[in-house]
Amino acid sequence: MTRFHIALSTALAIFALPAFAQPDAAIEYPWCVQYSGRDGGGGRNCGFINYEQCMMTARGAGGFCEQNLFYLDQQAKRPQRSRKPNN
């Protein structure tokens, strides 16, 4: 009976591990396609790095492009290094 309990505990631990995993950070891109659907439905895809890429998708799918209001510029996230003048 002890082996059964050990095997059961091991199986439960293996299946419970994904519940404690940290989710990956969401990747935000600067441009979104807003799709207009019938009956007021639609969708949104914010996976475009530039306006041209966004428009190529939007034109073929009946949508339009707009800037992603939740996008934080990657340059703003980086710590700024101080530059010392060369003497």
PDB file of N, CA and C in Angstrom:
ATOM      1  N   MET A   1       0.813  -1.187   0.000  1.00  0.00           N
ATOM      2  CA  MET A   1       0.000   0.000   0.000  1.00  0.00           C
ATOM      3  C   MET A   1       0.862   1.258   0.000  1.00  0.00           C
ATOM      4  N   THR A   2       2.039   1.202   0.547  1.00  0.00           N
ATOM      5  CA  THR A   2       2.919   2.353   0.594  1.00  0.00           C
ATOM      6  C   THR A   2       3.380   2.735  -0.815  1.00  0.00           C
ATOM      7  N   ARG A   3       3.683   1.744  -1.648  1.00  0.00           N
ATOM      8  CA  ARG A   3       4.096   2.034  -3.019  1.00  0.00           C
ATOM      9  C   ARG A   3       2.969   2.718  -3.789  1.00  0.00           C
ATOM     10  N   PHE A   4       1.751   2.300  -3.534  1.00  0.00           N
ATOM     11  CA  PHE A   4       0.602   2.918  -4.189  1.00  0.00           C
ATOM     12  C   PHE A   4       0.512   4.395  -3.822  1.00  0.00           C
ATOM     13  N   HIS A   5       0.694   4.719  -2.539  1.00  0.00           N
ATOM     14  CA  HIS A   5       0.627   6.105  -2.085  1.00  0.00           C
ATOM     15  C   HIS A   5       1.759   6.943  -2.697  1.00  0.00           C
ATOM     16  N   ILE A   6       2.930   6.358  -2.787  1.00  0.00           N
ATOM     17  CA  ILE A   6       4.063   7.069  -3.390  1.00  0.00           C
ATOM     18  C   ILE A   6       3.786   7.320  -4.872  1.00  0.00           C
ATOM     19  N   ALA A   7       3.305   6.314  -5.568  1.00  0.00           N
ATOM     20  CA  ALA A   7       3.003   6.469  -6.993  1.00  0.00           C
ATOM     21  C   ALA A   7       1.889   7.496  -7.203  1.00  0.00           C
ATOM     22  N   LEU A   8       0.879   7.452  -6.367  1.00  0.00           N
ATOM     23  CA  LEU A   8      -0.218   8.412  -6.479  1.00  0.00           C
ATOM     24  C   LEU A   8       0.264   9.835  -6.195  1.00  0.00           C
ATOM     25  N   SER A   9       1.076  10.005  -5.173  1.00  0.00           N
ATOM     26  CA  SER A   9       1.608  11.329  -4.847  1.00  0.00           C
ATOM     27  C   SER A   9       2.495  11.858  -5.968  1.00  0.00           C
ATOM     28  N   THR A  10       3.292  10.992  -6.543  1.00  0.00           N
ATOM     29  CA  THR A  10       4.158  11.389  -7.652  1.00  0.00           C
ATOM     30  C   THR A  10       3.331  11.815  -8.853  1.00  0.00           C
ATOM     31  N   ALA A  11       2.307  11.045  -9.194  1.00  0.00           N
ATOM     32  CA  ALA A  11       1.450  11.374 -10.334  1.00  0.00           C
ATOM     33  C   ALA A  11       0.729  12.704 -10.104  1.00  0.00           C
ATOM     34  N   LEU A  12       0.234  12.926  -8.914  1.00  0.00           N
ATOM     35  CA  LEU A  12      -0.441  14.196  -8.612  1.00  0.00           C
ATOM     36  C   LEU A  12       0.526  15.378  -8.696  1.00  0.00           C
ATOM     37  N   ALA A  13       1.740  15.182  -8.239  1.00  0.00           N
ATOM     38  CA  ALA A  13       2.731  16.258  -8.294  1.00  0.00           C
ATOM     39  C   ALA A  13       3.078  16.601  -9.736  1.00  0.00           C
ATOM     40  N   ILE A  14       3.216  15.591 -10.573  1.00  0.00           N
ATOM     41  CA  ILE A  14       3.547  15.832 -11.985  1.00  0.00           C
ATOM     42  C   ILE A  14       2.427  16.594 -12.674  1.00  0.00           C
ATOM     43  N   PHE A  15       1.192  16.218 -12.414  1.00  0.00           N
ATOM     44  CA  PHE A  15       0.061  16.884 -13.063  1.00  0.00           C
ATOM     45  C   PHE A  15      -0.205  18.271 -12.470  1.00  0.00           C
ATOM     46  N   ALA A  16       0.243  18.531 -11.258  1.00  0.00           N
ATOM     47  CA  ALA A  16       0.003  19.828 -10.622  1.00  0.00           C
ATOM     48  C   ALA A  16       1.070  20.866 -10.973  1.00  0.00           C
ATOM     49  N   LEU A  17       2.221  20.452 -11.478  1.00  0.00           N
ATOM     50  CA  LEU A  17       3.308  21.386 -11.781  1.00  0.00           C
ATOM     51  C   LEU A  17       2.902  22.510 -12.735  1.00  0.00           C
ATOM     52  N   PRO A  18       2.171  22.258 -13.827  1.00  0.00           N
ATOM     53  CA  PRO A  18       1.798  23.373 -14.709  1.00  0.00           C
ATOM     54  C   PRO A  18       0.948  24.447 -14.023  1.00  0.00           C
ATOM     55  N   ALA A  19       0.247  24.099 -12.986  1.00  0.00           N
ATOM     56  CA  ALA A  19      -0.573  25.084 -12.277  1.00  0.00           C
ATOM     57  C   ALA A  19       0.290  26.128 -11.570  1.00  0.00           C
ATOM     58  N   PHE A  20       1.535  25.785 -11.264  1.00  0.00           N
ATOM     59  CA  PHE A  20       2.423  26.706 -10.559  1.00  0.00           C
ATOM     60  C   PHE A  20       3.402  27.413 -11.491  1.00  0.00           C
ATOM     61  N   ALA A  21       3.353  27.107 -12.762  1.00  0.00           N
ATOM     62  CA  ALA A  21       4.266  27.731 -13.732  1.00  0.00           C
ATOM     63  C   ALA A  21       3.882  29.185 -13.945  1.00  0.00           C
ATOM     64  N   GLN A  22       4.868  30.030 -14.134  1.00  0.00           N
ATOM     65  CA  GLN A  22       4.643  31.443 -14.402  1.00  0.00           C
ATOM     66  C   GLN A  22       4.310  31.618 -15.882  1.00  0.00           C
ATOM     67  N   PRO A  23       3.267  32.371 -16.199  1.00  0.00           N
ATOM     68  CA  PRO A  23       2.953  32.595 -17.614  1.00  0.00           C
ATOM     69  C   PRO A  23       3.982  33.519 -18.254  1.00  0.00           C
ATOM     70  N   ASP A  24       4.166  33.346 -19.559  1.00  0.00           N
ATOM     71  CA  ASP A  24       5.070  34.221 -20.294  1.00  0.00           C
ATOM     72  C   ASP A  24       4.470  35.617 -20.378  1.00  0.00           C
ATOM     73  N   ALA A  25       5.324  36.596 -20.454  1.00  0.00           N
ATOM     74  CA  ALA A  25       4.853  37.969 -20.606  1.00  0.00           C
ATOM     75  C   ALA A  25       4.265  38.147 -21.997  1.00  0.00           C
ATOM     76  N   ALA A  26       3.198  38.871 -22.071  1.00  0.00           N
ATOM     77  CA  ALA A  26       2.569  39.124 -23.362  1.00  0.00           C
ATOM     78  C   ALA A  26       3.448  40.057 -24.185  1.00  0.00           C
ATOM     79  N   ILE A  27       3.517  39.775 -25.460  1.00  0.00           N
ATOM     80  CA  ILE A  27       4.276  40.630 -26.361  1.00  0.00           C
ATOM     81  C   ILE A  27       3.311  41.609 -26.989  1.00  0.00           C
ATOM     82  N   GLU A  28       3.581  42.870 -26.823  1.00  0.00           N
ATOM     83  CA  GLU A  28       2.737  43.916 -27.388  1.00  0.00           C
ATOM     84  C   GLU A  28       3.413  44.481 -28.631  1.00  0.00           C
ATOM     85  N   TYR A  29       2.622  44.719 -29.655  1.00  0.00           N
ATOM     86  CA  TYR A  29       3.115  45.322 -30.885  1.00  0.00           C
ATOM     87  C   TYR A  29       2.408  46.651 -31.105  1.00  0.00           C
ATOM     88  N   PRO A  30       3.025  47.559 -31.860  1.00  0.00           N
ATOM     89  CA  PRO A  30       2.484  48.919 -31.959  1.00  0.00           C
ATOM     90  C   PRO A  30       1.251  49.087 -32.839  1.00  0.00           C
ATOM     91  N   TRP A  31       0.904  48.130 -33.701  1.00  0.00           N
ATOM     92  CA  TRP A  31      -0.228  48.321 -34.613  1.00  0.00           C
ATOM     93  C   TRP A  31      -1.234  47.192 -34.502  1.00  0.00           C
ATOM     94  N   CYS A  32      -2.511  47.550 -34.618  1.00  0.00           N
ATOM     95  CA  CYS A  32      -3.615  46.594 -34.518  1.00  0.00           C
ATOM     96  C   CYS A  32      -4.510  46.685 -35.756  1.00  0.00           C
ATOM     97  N   VAL A  33      -5.041  45.531 -36.176  1.00  0.00           N
ATOM     98  CA  VAL A  33      -6.103  45.513 -37.176  1.00  0.00           C
ATOM     99  C   VAL A  33      -7.410  45.362 -36.417  1.00  0.00           C
ATOM    100  N   GLN A  34      -8.346  46.234 -36.714  1.00  0.00           N
ATOM    101  CA  GLN A  34      -9.689  46.157 -36.134  1.00  0.00           C
ATOM    102  C   GLN A  34     -10.609  45.652 -37.235  1.00  0.00           C
ATOM    103  N   TYR A  35     -11.197  44.487 -37.027  1.00  0.00           N
ATOM    104  CA  TYR A  35     -12.098  43.898 -38.004  1.00  0.00           C
ATOM    105  C   TYR A  35     -13.524  44.280 -37.650  1.00  0.00           C
ATOM    106  N   SER A  36     -14.286  44.651 -38.644  1.00  0.00           N
ATOM    107  CA  SER A  36     -15.704  44.946 -38.402  1.00  0.00           C
ATOM    108  C   SER A  36     -16.505  43.747 -38.886  1.00  0.00           C
ATOM    109  N   GLY A  37     -17.251  43.165 -37.992  1.00  0.00           N
ATOM    110  CA  GLY A  37     -18.048  42.004 -38.344  1.00  0.00           C
ATOM    111  C   GLY A  37     -19.509  42.364 -38.474  1.00  0.00           C
ATOM    112  N   ARG A  38     -20.242  41.475 -39.070  1.00  0.00           N
ATOM    113  CA  ARG A  38     -21.685  41.671 -39.162  1.00  0.00           C
ATOM    114  C   ARG A  38     -22.295  41.521 -37.774  1.00  0.00           C
ATOM    115  N   ASP A  39     -23.446  42.090 -37.598  1.00  0.00           N
ATOM    116  CA  ASP A  39     -24.176  42.006 -36.329  1.00  0.00           C
ATOM    117  C   ASP A  39     -23.394  42.620 -35.165  1.00  0.00           C
ATOM    118  N   GLY A  40     -22.526  43.579 -35.459  1.00  0.00           N
ATOM    119  CA  GLY A  40     -21.796  44.265 -34.395  1.00  0.00           C
ATOM    120  C   GLY A  40     -20.609  43.503 -33.857  1.00  0.00           C
ATOM    121  N   GLY A  41     -20.382  42.281 -34.334  1.00  0.00           N
ATOM    122  CA  GLY A  41     -19.229  41.515 -33.877  1.00  0.00           C
ATOM    123  C   GLY A  41     -17.992  41.919 -34.655  1.00  0.00           C
ATOM    124  N   GLY A  42     -16.890  41.461 -34.252  1.00  0.00           N
ATOM    125  CA  GLY A  42     -15.645  41.773 -34.940  1.00  0.00           C
ATOM    126  C   GLY A  42     -14.494  41.221 -34.146  1.00  0.00           C
ATOM    127  N   GLY A  43     -13.324  41.634 -34.479  1.00  0.00           N
ATOM    128  CA  GLY A  43     -12.155  41.156 -33.763  1.00  0.00           C
ATOM    129  C   GLY A  43     -11.039  42.159 -33.831  1.00  0.00           C
ATOM    130  N   ARG A  44      -9.980  41.851 -33.131  1.00  0.00           N
ATOM    131  CA  ARG A  44      -8.840  42.757 -33.054  1.00  0.00           C
ATOM    132  C   ARG A  44      -7.581  41.913 -33.002  1.00  0.00           C
ATOM    133  N   ASN A  45      -6.583  42.293 -33.795  1.00  0.00           N
ATOM    134  CA  ASN A  45      -5.311  41.600 -33.812  1.00  0.00           C
ATOM    135  C   ASN A  45      -4.208  42.646 -33.676  1.00  0.00           C
ATOM    136  N   CYS A  46      -3.515  42.622 -32.566  1.00  0.00           N
ATOM    137  CA  CYS A  46      -2.454  43.602 -32.305  1.00  0.00           C
ATOM    138  C   CYS A  46      -1.084  42.952 -32.444  1.00  0.00           C
ATOM    139  N   GLY A  47      -0.840  42.342 -33.584  1.00  0.00           N
ATOM    140  CA  GLY A  47       0.415  41.634 -33.790  1.00  0.00           C
ATOM    141  C   GLY A  47       1.239  42.168 -34.934  1.00  0.00           C
ATOM    142  N   PHE A  48       1.269  43.488 -35.125  1.00  0.00           N
ATOM    143  CA  PHE A  48       1.961  44.054 -36.274  1.00  0.00           C
ATOM    144  C   PHE A  48       3.009  45.064 -35.832  1.00  0.00           C
ATOM    145  N   ILE A  49       4.187  44.954 -36.441  1.00  0.00           N
ATOM    146  CA  ILE A  49       5.297  45.808 -36.028  1.00  0.00           C
ATOM    147  C   ILE A  49       5.306  47.163 -36.720  1.00  0.00           C
ATOM    148  N   ASN A  50       4.612  47.285 -37.862  1.00  0.00           N
ATOM    149  CA  ASN A  50       4.565  48.583 -38.527  1.00  0.00           C
ATOM    150  C   ASN A  50       3.228  48.743 -39.259  1.00  0.00           C
ATOM    151  N   TYR A  51       2.960  49.948 -39.671  1.00  0.00           N
ATOM    152  CA  TYR A  51       1.687  50.272 -40.317  1.00  0.00           C
ATOM    153  C   TYR A  51       1.514  49.524 -41.636  1.00  0.00           C
ATOM    154  N   GLU A  52       2.567  49.412 -42.422  1.00  0.00           N
ATOM    155  CA  GLU A  52       2.473  48.737 -43.717  1.00  0.00           C
ATOM    156  C   GLU A  52       2.090  47.271 -43.551  1.00  0.00           C
ATOM    157  N   GLN A  53       2.703  46.599 -42.604  1.00  0.00           N
ATOM    158  CA  GLN A  53       2.385  45.201 -42.338  1.00  0.00           C
ATOM    159  C   GLN A  53       0.928  45.065 -41.906  1.00  0.00           C
ATOM    160  N   CYS A  54       0.487  45.957 -41.069  1.00  0.00           N
ATOM    161  CA  CYS A  54      -0.891  45.961 -40.589  1.00  0.00           C
ATOM    162  C   CYS A  54      -1.869  46.151 -41.754  1.00  0.00           C
ATOM    163  N   MET A  55      -1.575  47.120 -42.633  1.00  0.00           N
ATOM    164  CA  MET A  55      -2.478  47.411 -43.747  1.00  0.00           C
ATOM    165  C   MET A  55      -2.556  46.272 -44.751  1.00  0.00           C
ATOM    166  N   MET A  56      -1.481  45.550 -44.941  1.00  0.00           N
ATOM    167  CA  MET A  56      -1.523  44.407 -45.866  1.00  0.00           C
ATOM    168  C   MET A  56      -2.521  43.362 -45.373  1.00  0.00           C
ATOM    169  N   THR A  57      -2.590  43.173 -44.093  1.00  0.00           N
ATOM    170  CA  THR A  57      -3.555  42.224 -43.524  1.00  0.00           C
ATOM    171  C   THR A  57      -4.957  42.820 -43.526  1.00  0.00           C
ATOM    172  N   ALA A  58      -5.056  44.082 -43.165  1.00  0.00           N
ATOM    173  CA  ALA A  58      -6.371  44.727 -43.058  1.00  0.00           C
ATOM    174  C   ALA A  58      -7.074  44.798 -44.414  1.00  0.00           C
ATOM    175  N   ARG A  59      -6.351  45.118 -45.469  1.00  0.00           N
ATOM    176  CA  ARG A  59      -6.956  45.234 -46.800  1.00  0.00           C
ATOM    177  C   ARG A  59      -7.568  43.918 -47.246  1.00  0.00           C
ATOM    178  N   GLY A  60      -6.913  42.833 -46.982  1.00  0.00           N
ATOM    179  CA  GLY A  60      -7.409  41.533 -47.417  1.00  0.00           C
ATOM    180  C   GLY A  60      -8.518  40.979 -46.549  1.00  0.00           C
ATOM    181  N   ALA A  61      -8.706  41.558 -45.387  1.00  0.00           N
ATOM    182  CA  ALA A  61      -9.682  40.997 -44.450  1.00  0.00           C
ATOM    183  C   ALA A  61     -10.815  41.961 -44.116  1.00  0.00           C
ATOM    184  N   GLY A  62     -10.840  43.109 -44.761  1.00  0.00           N
ATOM    185  CA  GLY A  62     -11.921  44.054 -44.508  1.00  0.00           C
ATOM    186  C   GLY A  62     -11.834  44.757 -43.171  1.00  0.00           C
ATOM    187  N   GLY A  63     -10.639  45.096 -42.761  1.00  0.00           N
ATOM    188  CA  GLY A  63     -10.467  45.796 -41.496  1.00  0.00           C
ATOM    189  C   GLY A  63      -9.733  47.109 -41.689  1.00  0.00           C
ATOM    190  N   PHE A  64      -9.365  47.738 -40.601  1.00  0.00           N
ATOM    191  CA  PHE A  64      -8.577  48.966 -40.645  1.00  0.00           C
ATOM    192  C   PHE A  64      -7.539  48.921 -39.537  1.00  0.00           C
ATOM    193  N   CYS A  65      -6.508  49.728 -39.699  1.00  0.00           N
ATOM    194  CA  CYS A  65      -5.399  49.739 -38.739  1.00  0.00           C
ATOM    195  C   CYS A  65      -5.482  50.930 -37.812  1.00  0.00           C
ATOM    196  N   GLU A  66      -5.042  50.698 -36.592  1.00  0.00           N
ATOM    197  CA  GLU A  66      -4.930  51.773 -35.613  1.00  0.00           C
ATOM    198  C   GLU A  66      -3.793  51.441 -34.666  1.00  0.00           C
ATOM    199  N   GLN A  67      -3.262  52.471 -34.036  1.00  0.00           N
ATOM    200  CA  GLN A  67      -2.172  52.250 -33.096  1.00  0.00           C
ATOM    201  C   GLN A  67      -2.685  51.529 -31.856  1.00  0.00           C
ATOM    202  N   ASN A  68      -1.841  50.659 -31.314  1.00  0.00           N
ATOM    203  CA  ASN A  68      -2.153  49.918 -30.102  1.00  0.00           C
ATOM    204  C   ASN A  68      -1.917  50.824 -28.899  1.00  0.00           C
ATOM    205  N   LEU A  69      -2.969  51.144 -28.195  1.00  0.00           N
ATOM    206  CA  LEU A  69      -2.854  52.040 -27.040  1.00  0.00           C
ATOM    207  C   LEU A  69      -2.132  51.391 -25.860  1.00  0.00           C
ATOM    208  N   PHE A  70      -2.005  50.063 -25.886  1.00  0.00           N
ATOM    209  CA  PHE A  70      -1.346  49.354 -24.789  1.00  0.00           C
ATOM    210  C   PHE A  70       0.123  49.068 -25.070  1.00  0.00           C
ATOM    211  N   TYR A  71       0.598  49.492 -26.234  1.00  0.00           N
ATOM    212  CA  TYR A  71       1.985  49.241 -26.605  1.00  0.00           C
ATOM    213  C   TYR A  71       2.902  50.213 -25.883  1.00  0.00           C
ATOM    214  N   LEU A  72       3.918  49.664 -25.251  1.00  0.00           N
ATOM    215  CA  LEU A  72       4.962  50.485 -24.625  1.00  0.00           C
ATOM    216  C   LEU A  72       6.216  50.300 -25.454  1.00  0.00           C
ATOM    217  N   ASP A  73       6.746  51.383 -25.952  1.00  0.00           N
ATOM    218  CA  ASP A  73       7.923  51.324 -26.799  1.00  0.00           C
ATOM    219  C   ASP A  73       9.052  50.586 -26.087  1.00  0.00           C
ATOM    220  N   GLN A  74       9.671  49.662 -26.791  1.00  0.00           N
ATOM    221  CA  GLN A  74      10.757  48.876 -26.204  1.00  0.00           C
ATOM    222  C   GLN A  74      11.935  49.762 -25.798  1.00  0.00           C
ATOM    223  N   GLN A  75      12.141  50.866 -26.497  1.00  0.00           N
ATOM    224  CA  GLN A  75      13.220  51.775 -26.126  1.00  0.00           C
ATOM    225  C   GLN A  75      12.955  52.398 -24.758  1.00  0.00           C
ATOM    226  N   ALA A  76      11.710  52.655 -24.459  1.00  0.00           N
ATOM    227  CA  ALA A  76      11.368  53.267 -23.171  1.00  0.00           C
ATOM    228  C   ALA A  76      11.574  52.298 -22.020  1.00  0.00           C
ATOM    229  N   LYS A  77      11.515  50.978 -22.294  1.00  0.00           N
ATOM    230  CA  LYS A  77      11.682  49.983 -21.248  1.00  0.00           C
ATOM    231  C   LYS A  77      13.144  49.771 -20.872  1.00  0.00           C
ATOM    232  N   ARG A  78      14.059  50.086 -21.790  1.00  0.00           N
ATOM    233  CA  ARG A  78      15.479  49.863 -21.534  1.00  0.00           C
ATOM    234  C   ARG A  78      16.038  50.954 -20.627  1.00  0.00           C
ATOM    235  N   PRO A  79      16.889  50.580 -19.697  1.00  0.00           N
ATOM    236  CA  PRO A  79      17.524  51.619 -18.876  1.00  0.00           C
ATOM    237  C   PRO A  79      18.481  52.434 -19.736  1.00  0.00           C
ATOM    238  N   GLN A  80      18.472  53.714 -19.533  1.00  0.00           N
ATOM    239  CA  GLN A  80      19.328  54.597 -20.309  1.00  0.00           C
ATOM    240  C   GLN A  80      20.720  54.637 -19.676  1.00  0.00           C
ATOM    241  N   ARG A  81      21.727  54.454 -20.507  1.00  0.00           N
ATOM    242  CA  ARG A  81      23.102  54.553 -20.021  1.00  0.00           C
ATOM    243  C   ARG A  81      23.569  55.989 -20.124  1.00  0.00           C
ATOM    244  N   SER A  82      24.264  56.417 -19.111  1.00  0.00           N
ATOM    245  CA  SER A  82      24.806  57.787 -19.168  1.00  0.00           C
ATOM    246  C   SER A  82      26.056  57.760 -20.043  1.00  0.00           C
ATOM    247  N   ARG A  83      26.174  58.776 -20.863  1.00  0.00           N
ATOM    248  CA  ARG A  83      27.317  58.871 -21.743  1.00  0.00           C
ATOM    249  C   ARG A  83      28.290  59.897 -21.185  1.00  0.00           C
ATOM    250  N   LYS A  84      29.505  59.492 -21.055  1.00  0.00           N
ATOM    251  CA  LYS A  84      30.538  60.410 -20.569  1.00  0.00           C
ATOM    252  C   LYS A  84      31.239  61.009 -21.773  1.00  0.00           C
ATOM    253  N   PRO A  85      31.481  62.305 -21.723  1.00  0.00           N
ATOM    254  CA  PRO A  85      32.198  62.927 -22.841  1.00  0.00           C
ATOM    255  C   PRO A  85      33.634  62.431 -22.910  1.00  0.00           C
ATOM    256  N   ASN A  86      34.122  62.259 -24.128  1.00  0.00           N
ATOM    257  CA  ASN A  86      35.520  61.851 -24.304  1.00  0.00           C
ATOM    258  C   ASN A  86      36.422  63.046 -24.098  1.00  0.00           C
ATOM    259  N   ASN A  87      37.413  62.894 -23.245  1.00  0.00           N
ATOM    260  CA  ASN A  87      38.369  63.982 -22.977  1.00  0.00           C
ATOM    261  C   ASN A  87      39.684  63.700 -23.604  1.00  0.00           C
TER     262      ASN A  87
END
